[in-house]
Amino acid sequence: MGELVHGEPLGAEPWERWLRHRFDLSADRLQDLLAPPGAYVDTIEVAASWTDLPALYHEVKAHLAGVADLALCHFSHGYPQGCCAYFTFLGSAADESGAEAAYREAWRGAMEITLAHRGTISHHHGVGQVRAPWIEADMGGWSTIWQRVSRALDPQGLMNPHAVGGLGAGAG
């Protein structure tokens, strides 16, 4: 792969550094970070092509670092086309409303940056309520098909109303 992107061999040092530091975020440190009443933590997994992934990674990581106390990322589920970027963020605020505002801002930025870099807002964890505002942008024209299938299967909108895909009443 390195030849495809004109990469240069870095030797064993990056691998050895990773081995030495992969568990540096200890349970004790996590407990300290999550102890305050306004603490929050979550993961956001997105996916993008190898071409778009570097900019997406740097921008999402910078955004999360500006909102949360700690922002991490690892990559998984690699394919010839691209891979999943799995971000973890955590922080605390003076109160619950401040924590909720920071949490929502973390998600907003991550979703908008991902879409701006032609990524998809979920690789394999599903959508959920938090991603609902960005589903139509992510699905493009497929959202109309999703709505039609959903209405055909559940014309009264009884199954998880207002939730599936964030596409409104009767969407599923």
N, C-alpha and C. Protein backbone atom coordinates (compact mmCIF):
# COMPACT_ATOMS: atom_id res chain seq x y z
N MET A 1 0.83 -1.18 0.00
CA MET A 1 0.00 0.00 0.00
C MET A 1 0.87 1.25 0.00
N GLY A 2 1.99 1.20 0.70
CA GLY A 2 2.85 2.37 0.76
C GLY A 2 3.29 2.85 -0.60
N GLU A 3 3.52 1.92 -1.51
CA GLU A 3 3.92 2.31 -2.86
C GLU A 3 2.80 3.06 -3.57
N LEU A 4 1.55 2.66 -3.32
CA LEU A 4 0.41 3.31 -3.96
C LEU A 4 0.30 4.78 -3.59
N VAL A 5 0.65 5.11 -2.37
CA VAL A 5 0.53 6.50 -1.91
C VAL A 5 1.89 7.18 -1.78
N HIS A 6 2.90 6.56 -2.37
CA HIS A 6 4.26 7.10 -2.37
C HIS A 6 4.79 7.26 -0.94
N GLY A 7 4.48 6.29 -0.09
CA GLY A 7 4.93 6.32 1.29
C GLY A 7 6.40 5.94 1.41
N GLU A 8 6.97 6.26 2.55
CA GLU A 8 8.36 5.91 2.83
C GLU A 8 8.41 5.02 4.05
N PRO A 9 9.25 3.99 4.02
CA PRO A 9 9.38 3.10 5.18
C PRO A 9 9.88 3.88 6.41
N LEU A 10 9.27 3.64 7.54
CA LEU A 10 9.66 4.32 8.77
C LEU A 10 10.40 3.40 9.73
N GLY A 11 10.57 2.16 9.33
CA GLY A 11 11.25 1.23 10.21
C GLY A 11 10.34 0.72 11.31
N ALA A 12 10.94 0.13 12.31
CA ALA A 12 10.18 -0.51 13.39
C ALA A 12 9.73 0.46 14.48
N GLU A 13 10.30 1.65 14.53
CA GLU A 13 10.04 2.57 15.65
C GLU A 13 8.56 2.90 15.85
N PRO A 14 7.79 3.25 14.82
CA PRO A 14 6.37 3.54 15.07
C PRO A 14 5.62 2.36 15.69
N TRP A 15 5.89 1.17 15.22
CA TRP A 15 5.26 -0.03 15.78
C TRP A 15 5.67 -0.24 17.23
N GLU A 16 6.95 -0.11 17.51
CA GLU A 16 7.45 -0.31 18.87
C GLU A 16 6.90 0.74 19.82
N ARG A 17 6.79 1.99 19.35
CA ARG A 17 6.20 3.05 20.19
C ARG A 17 4.76 2.71 20.51
N TRP A 18 4.01 2.26 19.51
CA TRP A 18 2.61 1.89 19.74
C TRP A 18 2.53 0.77 20.78
N LEU A 19 3.38 -0.24 20.65
CA LEU A 19 3.37 -1.34 21.62
C LEU A 19 3.64 -0.84 23.03
N ARG A 20 4.56 0.11 23.17
CA ARG A 20 4.90 0.64 24.50
C ARG A 20 3.78 1.47 25.11
N HIS A 21 2.99 2.15 24.28
CA HIS A 21 2.03 3.13 24.79
C HIS A 21 0.56 2.78 24.56
N ARG A 22 0.27 1.63 24.02
CA ARG A 22 -1.11 1.33 23.64
C ARG A 22 -2.08 1.26 24.81
N PHE A 23 -1.59 1.05 26.02
CA PHE A 23 -2.49 0.98 27.17
C PHE A 23 -2.28 2.16 28.13
N ASP A 24 -1.75 3.25 27.65
CA ASP A 24 -1.45 4.39 28.51
C ASP A 24 -2.70 5.01 29.14
N LEU A 25 -3.82 4.87 28.52
CA LEU A 25 -5.06 5.42 29.09
C LEU A 25 -5.60 4.39 30.07
N SER A 26 -5.15 4.47 31.29
CA SER A 26 -5.47 3.47 32.30
C SER A 26 -6.88 3.65 32.84
N ALA A 27 -7.37 2.61 33.48
CA ALA A 27 -8.68 2.68 34.13
C ALA A 27 -8.70 3.77 35.20
N ASP A 28 -7.59 3.94 35.91
CA ASP A 28 -7.53 4.99 36.94
C ASP A 28 -7.68 6.37 36.32
N ARG A 29 -6.99 6.61 35.20
CA ARG A 29 -7.10 7.92 34.55
C ARG A 29 -8.51 8.13 34.02
N LEU A 30 -9.09 7.11 33.43
CA LEU A 30 -10.47 7.22 32.96
C LEU A 30 -11.42 7.54 34.11
N GLN A 31 -11.24 6.86 35.23
CA GLN A 31 -12.11 7.11 36.38
C GLN A 31 -11.98 8.55 36.85
N ASP A 32 -10.76 9.07 36.88
CA ASP A 32 -10.56 10.47 37.27
C ASP A 32 -11.25 11.42 36.30
N LEU A 33 -11.15 11.13 35.00
CA LEU A 33 -11.76 11.99 34.00
C LEU A 33 -13.28 11.95 34.04
N LEU A 34 -13.83 10.81 34.42
CA LEU A 34 -15.29 10.64 34.40
C LEU A 34 -15.94 10.85 35.76
N ALA A 35 -15.17 11.19 36.78
CA ALA A 35 -15.71 11.38 38.12
C ALA A 35 -16.58 12.63 38.29
N PRO A 36 -16.27 13.75 37.64
CA PRO A 36 -17.08 14.95 37.86
C PRO A 36 -18.54 14.74 37.44
N PRO A 37 -19.46 15.46 38.08
CA PRO A 37 -20.88 15.31 37.75
C PRO A 37 -21.23 15.61 36.29
N GLY A 38 -20.52 16.51 35.65
CA GLY A 38 -20.81 16.87 34.26
C GLY A 38 -19.96 16.11 33.25
N ALA A 39 -19.53 14.91 33.59
CA ALA A 39 -18.66 14.14 32.70
C ALA A 39 -19.46 13.48 31.57
N TYR A 40 -18.81 13.32 30.44
CA TYR A 40 -19.43 12.65 29.29
C TYR A 40 -18.36 11.87 28.54
N VAL A 41 -18.77 10.82 27.86
CA VAL A 41 -17.87 10.01 27.04
C VAL A 41 -18.70 9.35 25.95
N ASP A 42 -18.12 9.21 24.78
CA ASP A 42 -18.80 8.49 23.71
C ASP A 42 -17.79 8.13 22.64
N THR A 43 -18.25 7.31 21.71
CA THR A 43 -17.45 6.98 20.54
C THR A 43 -18.24 7.34 19.30
N ILE A 44 -17.53 7.73 18.29
CA ILE A 44 -18.12 8.06 16.99
C ILE A 44 -17.33 7.29 15.95
N GLU A 45 -18.00 6.40 15.23
CA GLU A 45 -17.30 5.71 14.16
C GLU A 45 -17.87 6.16 12.83
N VAL A 46 -16.98 6.49 11.94
CA VAL A 46 -17.32 6.94 10.60
C VAL A 46 -16.42 6.18 9.63
N ALA A 47 -16.66 6.32 8.35
CA ALA A 47 -15.79 5.66 7.38
C ALA A 47 -15.58 6.57 6.18
N ALA A 48 -14.45 6.39 5.53
CA ALA A 48 -14.14 7.20 4.35
C ALA A 48 -13.14 6.45 3.48
N SER A 49 -12.98 6.95 2.27
CA SER A 49 -12.00 6.38 1.36
C SER A 49 -10.60 6.74 1.85
N TRP A 50 -9.62 5.97 1.40
CA TRP A 50 -8.24 6.27 1.79
C TRP A 50 -7.84 7.67 1.36
N THR A 51 -8.36 8.13 0.25
CA THR A 51 -8.03 9.46 -0.25
C THR A 51 -8.56 10.55 0.68
N ASP A 52 -9.78 10.36 1.17
CA ASP A 52 -10.42 11.38 1.99
C ASP A 52 -10.11 11.24 3.48
N LEU A 53 -9.64 10.09 3.90
CA LEU A 53 -9.47 9.80 5.32
C LEU A 53 -8.48 10.71 6.05
N PRO A 54 -7.32 11.01 5.51
CA PRO A 54 -6.38 11.84 6.28
C PRO A 54 -6.95 13.20 6.70
N ALA A 55 -7.56 13.92 5.79
CA ALA A 55 -8.13 15.23 6.14
C ALA A 55 -9.29 15.07 7.11
N LEU A 56 -10.14 14.08 6.87
CA LEU A 56 -11.26 13.82 7.77
C LEU A 56 -10.74 13.56 9.18
N TYR A 57 -9.77 12.67 9.30
CA TYR A 57 -9.19 12.33 10.60
C TYR A 57 -8.66 13.57 11.31
N HIS A 58 -7.82 14.34 10.64
CA HIS A 58 -7.21 15.51 11.29
C HIS A 58 -8.26 16.53 11.71
N GLU A 59 -9.25 16.77 10.87
CA GLU A 59 -10.27 17.78 11.20
C GLU A 59 -11.20 17.31 12.32
N VAL A 60 -11.64 16.06 12.26
CA VAL A 60 -12.51 15.56 13.34
C VAL A 60 -11.75 15.53 14.65
N LYS A 61 -10.53 15.04 14.62
CA LYS A 61 -9.73 14.95 15.85
C LYS A 61 -9.52 16.35 16.44
N ALA A 62 -9.21 17.33 15.61
CA ALA A 62 -9.02 18.71 16.10
C ALA A 62 -10.32 19.26 16.66
N HIS A 63 -11.43 18.99 15.99
CA HIS A 63 -12.72 19.47 16.48
C HIS A 63 -13.03 18.86 17.86
N LEU A 64 -12.88 17.55 17.97
CA LEU A 64 -13.17 16.89 19.25
C LEU A 64 -12.23 17.37 20.34
N ALA A 65 -10.97 17.58 20.02
CA ALA A 65 -10.02 18.07 21.01
C ALA A 65 -10.38 19.48 21.48
N GLY A 66 -11.04 20.24 20.63
CA GLY A 66 -11.47 21.58 21.01
C GLY A 66 -12.72 21.60 21.87
N VAL A 67 -13.45 20.50 21.88
CA VAL A 67 -14.71 20.41 22.63
C VAL A 67 -14.54 19.58 23.90
N ALA A 68 -13.76 18.52 23.82
CA ALA A 68 -13.63 17.57 24.92
C ALA A 68 -12.25 17.69 25.57
N ASP A 69 -12.10 17.04 26.71
CA ASP A 69 -10.81 17.04 27.40
C ASP A 69 -9.83 16.05 26.79
N LEU A 70 -10.36 15.02 26.15
CA LEU A 70 -9.52 13.99 25.55
C LEU A 70 -10.19 13.51 24.27
N ALA A 71 -9.42 13.42 23.21
CA ALA A 71 -9.92 12.92 21.92
C ALA A 71 -8.92 11.91 21.38
N LEU A 72 -9.42 10.73 21.09
CA LEU A 72 -8.58 9.65 20.59
C LEU A 72 -9.17 9.11 19.29
N CYS A 73 -8.36 8.37 18.54
CA CYS A 73 -8.87 7.73 17.33
C CYS A 73 -8.05 6.49 17.04
N HIS A 74 -8.72 5.47 16.57
CA HIS A 74 -8.02 4.33 15.98
C HIS A 74 -8.75 3.93 14.71
N PHE A 75 -8.08 3.17 13.88
CA PHE A 75 -8.65 2.77 12.60
C PHE A 75 -8.89 1.27 12.61
N SER A 76 -9.98 0.87 11.98
CA SER A 76 -10.31 -0.55 11.92
C SER A 76 -11.07 -0.83 10.63
N HIS A 77 -11.34 -2.09 10.40
CA HIS A 77 -12.14 -2.51 9.25
C HIS A 77 -11.59 -1.92 7.96
N GLY A 78 -10.34 -2.22 7.68
CA GLY A 78 -9.72 -1.72 6.47
C GLY A 78 -10.09 -2.53 5.24
N TYR A 79 -10.32 -1.85 4.17
CA TYR A 79 -10.67 -2.45 2.88
C TYR A 79 -9.82 -1.77 1.81
N PRO A 80 -9.80 -2.32 0.60
CA PRO A 80 -9.06 -1.64 -0.48
C PRO A 80 -9.55 -0.20 -0.71
N GLN A 81 -10.82 0.08 -0.42
CA GLN A 81 -11.40 1.40 -0.68
C GLN A 81 -11.17 2.40 0.44
N GLY A 82 -11.05 1.94 1.68
CA GLY A 82 -10.93 2.85 2.81
C GLY A 82 -11.07 2.10 4.12
N CYS A 83 -11.41 2.80 5.18
CA CYS A 83 -11.57 2.13 6.47
C CYS A 83 -12.44 2.96 7.41
N CYS A 84 -12.63 2.40 8.58
CA CYS A 84 -13.41 3.02 9.64
C CYS A 84 -12.47 3.81 10.56
N ALA A 85 -12.83 5.03 10.87
CA ALA A 85 -12.13 5.82 11.88
C ALA A 85 -13.01 5.84 13.12
N TYR A 86 -12.47 5.38 14.22
CA TYR A 86 -13.23 5.18 15.45
C TYR A 86 -12.72 6.18 16.48
N PHE A 87 -13.46 7.26 16.67
CA PHE A 87 -13.07 8.33 17.59
C PHE A 87 -13.70 8.10 18.96
N THR A 88 -12.94 8.36 20.00
CA THR A 88 -13.45 8.36 21.37
C THR A 88 -13.18 9.74 21.94
N PHE A 89 -14.18 10.31 22.60
CA PHE A 89 -13.98 11.62 23.22
C PHE A 89 -14.60 11.59 24.60
N LEU A 90 -13.99 12.33 25.51
CA LEU A 90 -14.56 12.47 26.84
C LEU A 90 -14.14 13.78 27.45
N GLY A 91 -14.96 14.24 28.35
CA GLY A 91 -14.69 15.50 29.01
C GLY A 91 -15.66 15.72 30.14
N SER A 92 -15.63 16.90 30.69
CA SER A 92 -16.58 17.24 31.74
C SER A 92 -16.88 18.73 31.66
N ALA A 93 -18.00 19.08 32.21
CA ALA A 93 -18.43 20.48 32.26
C ALA A 93 -18.90 20.77 33.67
N ALA A 94 -19.15 22.03 33.94
CA ALA A 94 -19.56 22.43 35.29
C ALA A 94 -20.89 21.82 35.71
N ASP A 95 -21.75 21.55 34.73
CA ASP A 95 -23.05 20.98 35.05
C ASP A 95 -23.55 20.14 33.88
N GLU A 96 -24.69 19.53 34.08
CA GLU A 96 -25.23 18.63 33.06
C GLU A 96 -25.55 19.34 31.75
N SER A 97 -26.08 20.56 31.84
CA SER A 97 -26.41 21.27 30.60
C SER A 97 -25.15 21.63 29.81
N GLY A 98 -24.09 21.98 30.50
CA GLY A 98 -22.83 22.25 29.82
C GLY A 98 -22.25 21.00 29.18
N ALA A 99 -22.38 19.88 29.87
CA ALA A 99 -21.91 18.60 29.32
C ALA A 99 -22.71 18.23 28.08
N GLU A 100 -24.03 18.42 28.16
CA GLU A 100 -24.87 18.10 27.00
C GLU A 100 -24.52 18.98 25.81
N ALA A 101 -24.28 20.26 26.06
CA ALA A 101 -23.92 21.17 24.96
C ALA A 101 -22.60 20.76 24.32
N ALA A 102 -21.61 20.41 25.13
CA ALA A 102 -20.32 19.97 24.59
C ALA A 102 -20.47 18.67 23.82
N TYR A 103 -21.24 17.76 24.37
CA TYR A 103 -21.48 16.46 23.73
C TYR A 103 -22.14 16.64 22.37
N ARG A 104 -23.18 17.46 22.32
CA ARG A 104 -23.88 17.71 21.05
C ARG A 104 -22.97 18.41 20.04
N GLU A 105 -22.14 19.31 20.51
CA GLU A 105 -21.21 20.00 19.61
C GLU A 105 -20.16 19.03 19.07
N ALA A 106 -19.72 18.11 19.89
CA ALA A 106 -18.77 17.09 19.42
C ALA A 106 -19.38 16.31 18.26
N TRP A 107 -20.60 15.84 18.45
CA TRP A 107 -21.28 15.08 17.41
C TRP A 107 -21.56 15.93 16.17
N ARG A 108 -22.04 17.15 16.37
CA ARG A 108 -22.36 18.00 15.22
C ARG A 108 -21.13 18.18 14.34
N GLY A 109 -20.04 18.56 14.94
CA GLY A 109 -18.83 18.79 14.17
C GLY A 109 -18.33 17.54 13.48
N ALA A 110 -18.33 16.43 14.19
CA ALA A 110 -17.85 15.17 13.59
C ALA A 110 -18.69 14.77 12.39
N MET A 111 -20.00 14.92 12.50
CA MET A 111 -20.88 14.54 11.39
C MET A 111 -20.69 15.46 10.19
N GLU A 112 -20.64 16.76 10.44
CA GLU A 112 -20.52 17.71 9.33
C GLU A 112 -19.15 17.61 8.65
N ILE A 113 -18.11 17.42 9.42
CA ILE A 113 -16.77 17.25 8.84
C ILE A 113 -16.73 15.96 8.01
N THR A 114 -17.30 14.89 8.54
CA THR A 114 -17.32 13.62 7.81
C THR A 114 -18.02 13.78 6.47
N LEU A 115 -19.19 14.38 6.48
CA LEU A 115 -19.94 14.58 5.24
C LEU A 115 -19.18 15.49 4.27
N ALA A 116 -18.52 16.51 4.79
CA ALA A 116 -17.75 17.43 3.94
C ALA A 116 -16.59 16.72 3.24
N HIS A 117 -16.13 15.63 3.84
CA HIS A 117 -15.03 14.86 3.26
C HIS A 117 -15.51 13.58 2.59
N ARG A 118 -16.77 13.57 2.18
CA ARG A 118 -17.36 12.46 1.44
C ARG A 118 -17.34 11.14 2.20
N GLY A 119 -17.30 11.23 3.52
CA GLY A 119 -17.35 10.02 4.34
C GLY A 119 -18.79 9.64 4.61
N THR A 120 -18.95 8.50 5.27
CA THR A 120 -20.27 8.08 5.71
C THR A 120 -20.31 8.18 7.23
N ILE A 121 -21.44 8.59 7.77
CA ILE A 121 -21.53 8.92 9.19
C ILE A 121 -21.62 7.70 10.10
N SER A 122 -21.69 6.51 9.54
CA SER A 122 -21.65 5.30 10.35
C SER A 122 -21.10 4.16 9.52
N HIS A 123 -20.13 3.46 10.07
CA HIS A 123 -19.58 2.31 9.36
C HIS A 123 -20.35 1.05 9.69
N HIS A 124 -20.49 0.73 10.99
CA HIS A 124 -21.16 -0.51 11.35
C HIS A 124 -21.93 -0.45 12.67
N HIS A 125 -21.94 0.65 13.34
CA HIS A 125 -22.65 0.75 14.62
C HIS A 125 -24.11 1.17 14.48
N GLY A 126 -24.53 1.46 13.29
CA GLY A 126 -25.90 1.90 13.10
C GLY A 126 -26.01 3.41 13.26
N VAL A 127 -27.23 3.87 13.21
CA VAL A 127 -27.44 5.31 13.15
C VAL A 127 -27.78 5.89 14.51
N GLY A 128 -28.89 5.50 15.08
CA GLY A 128 -29.29 6.03 16.37
C GLY A 128 -29.80 7.45 16.31
N GLN A 129 -30.36 7.89 17.39
CA GLN A 129 -30.94 9.23 17.47
C GLN A 129 -29.91 10.34 17.27
N VAL A 130 -28.71 10.14 17.77
CA VAL A 130 -27.73 11.22 17.72
C VAL A 130 -27.32 11.56 16.29
N ARG A 131 -27.38 10.59 15.39
CA ARG A 131 -27.00 10.83 14.00
C ARG A 131 -28.20 11.24 13.13
N ALA A 132 -29.38 11.19 13.67
CA ALA A 132 -30.60 11.41 12.88
C ALA A 132 -30.58 12.68 12.04
N PRO A 133 -30.11 13.82 12.55
CA PRO A 133 -30.15 15.04 11.73
C PRO A 133 -29.33 14.97 10.44
N TRP A 134 -28.41 14.02 10.34
CA TRP A 134 -27.51 13.96 9.19
C TRP A 134 -27.79 12.76 8.27
N ILE A 135 -28.83 12.00 8.57
CA ILE A 135 -29.12 10.80 7.79
C ILE A 135 -29.44 11.12 6.34
N GLU A 136 -30.30 12.07 6.10
CA GLU A 136 -30.67 12.37 4.72
C GLU A 136 -29.45 12.81 3.91
N ALA A 137 -28.59 13.62 4.48
CA ALA A 137 -27.38 14.04 3.77
C ALA A 137 -26.46 12.85 3.50
N ASP A 138 -26.40 11.92 4.43
CA ASP A 138 -25.55 10.74 4.26
C ASP A 138 -26.11 9.79 3.21
N MET A 139 -27.41 9.60 3.22
CA MET A 139 -28.04 8.64 2.31
C MET A 139 -28.26 9.18 0.91
N GLY A 140 -28.28 10.49 0.77
CA GLY A 140 -28.57 11.06 -0.55
C GLY A 140 -29.96 10.65 -1.00
N GLY A 141 -30.10 10.30 -2.26
CA GLY A 141 -31.39 9.91 -2.81
C GLY A 141 -31.97 8.65 -2.21
N TRP A 142 -31.15 7.86 -1.53
CA TRP A 142 -31.65 6.63 -0.92
C TRP A 142 -32.62 6.91 0.23
N SER A 143 -32.60 8.10 0.80
CA SER A 143 -33.51 8.38 1.91
C SER A 143 -34.96 8.31 1.45
N THR A 144 -35.23 8.71 0.21
CA THR A 144 -36.59 8.63 -0.33
C THR A 144 -37.03 7.17 -0.43
N ILE A 145 -36.14 6.32 -0.89
CA ILE A 145 -36.46 4.89 -0.99
C ILE A 145 -36.70 4.32 0.40
N TRP A 146 -35.84 4.70 1.35
CA TRP A 146 -36.00 4.23 2.73
C TRP A 146 -37.37 4.63 3.29
N GLN A 147 -37.76 5.86 3.05
CA GLN A 147 -39.05 6.34 3.53
C GLN A 147 -40.19 5.53 2.91
N ARG A 148 -40.11 5.27 1.62
CA ARG A 148 -41.18 4.53 0.95
C ARG A 148 -41.28 3.10 1.45
N VAL A 149 -40.17 2.43 1.59
CA VAL A 149 -40.18 1.05 2.11
C VAL A 149 -40.71 1.05 3.54
N SER A 150 -40.26 1.99 4.33
CA SER A 150 -40.68 2.07 5.72
C SER A 150 -42.19 2.30 5.83
N ARG A 151 -42.71 3.20 5.03
CA ARG A 151 -44.16 3.47 5.05
C ARG A 151 -44.96 2.27 4.55
N ALA A 152 -44.42 1.54 3.58
CA ALA A 152 -45.11 0.35 3.07
C ALA A 152 -45.18 -0.74 4.14
N LEU A 153 -44.12 -0.89 4.91
CA LEU A 153 -44.09 -1.92 5.95
C LEU A 153 -44.82 -1.50 7.22
N ASP A 154 -44.89 -0.20 7.45
CA ASP A 154 -45.49 0.32 8.68
C ASP A 154 -46.27 1.59 8.36
N PRO A 155 -47.40 1.46 7.66
CA PRO A 155 -48.14 2.65 7.19
C PRO A 155 -48.63 3.56 8.31
N GLN A 156 -48.84 3.02 9.50
CA GLN A 156 -49.33 3.84 10.61
C GLN A 156 -48.18 4.45 11.43
N GLY A 157 -46.96 4.11 11.10
CA GLY A 157 -45.81 4.67 11.81
C GLY A 157 -45.75 4.23 13.26
N LEU A 158 -46.10 2.97 13.54
CA LEU A 158 -46.14 2.48 14.92
C LEU A 158 -44.79 1.97 15.42
N MET A 159 -43.98 1.47 14.51
CA MET A 159 -42.70 0.88 14.93
C MET A 159 -41.63 1.96 15.05
N ASN A 160 -41.31 2.30 16.26
CA ASN A 160 -40.28 3.29 16.54
C ASN A 160 -40.56 4.61 15.82
N PRO A 161 -41.72 5.21 16.08
CA PRO A 161 -42.11 6.43 15.37
C PRO A 161 -41.10 7.57 15.59
N HIS A 162 -40.90 8.34 14.56
CA HIS A 162 -40.03 9.52 14.58
C HIS A 162 -38.56 9.18 14.81
N ALA A 163 -38.20 7.90 14.78
CA ALA A 163 -36.84 7.55 15.17
C ALA A 163 -35.99 7.02 14.02
N VAL A 164 -36.43 6.03 13.32
CA VAL A 164 -35.58 5.36 12.36
C VAL A 164 -35.16 6.34 11.26
N GLY A 165 -33.89 6.59 11.20
CA GLY A 165 -33.37 7.47 10.17
C GLY A 165 -33.64 8.94 10.41
N GLY A 166 -34.35 9.28 11.46
CA GLY A 166 -34.63 10.68 11.71
C GLY A 166 -35.43 11.33 10.60
N LEU A 167 -36.22 10.52 9.90
CA LEU A 167 -36.92 11.03 8.73
C LEU A 167 -38.36 11.42 9.01
N GLY A 168 -38.73 11.51 10.26
CA GLY A 168 -40.06 12.03 10.59
C GLY A 168 -41.12 10.97 10.79
N ALA A 169 -42.31 11.42 11.11
CA ALA A 169 -43.43 10.52 11.41
C ALA A 169 -43.72 9.62 10.22
N GLY A 170 -44.01 8.37 10.53
CA GLY A 170 -44.36 7.42 9.49
C GLY A 170 -43.15 6.90 8.74
N ALA A 171 -41.97 7.36 9.09
CA ALA A 171 -40.78 6.90 8.38
C ALA A 171 -40.39 5.51 8.81
N GLY A 172 -40.88 5.06 9.90
CA GLY A 172 -40.52 3.72 10.32
C GLY A 172 -40.66 3.61 11.77
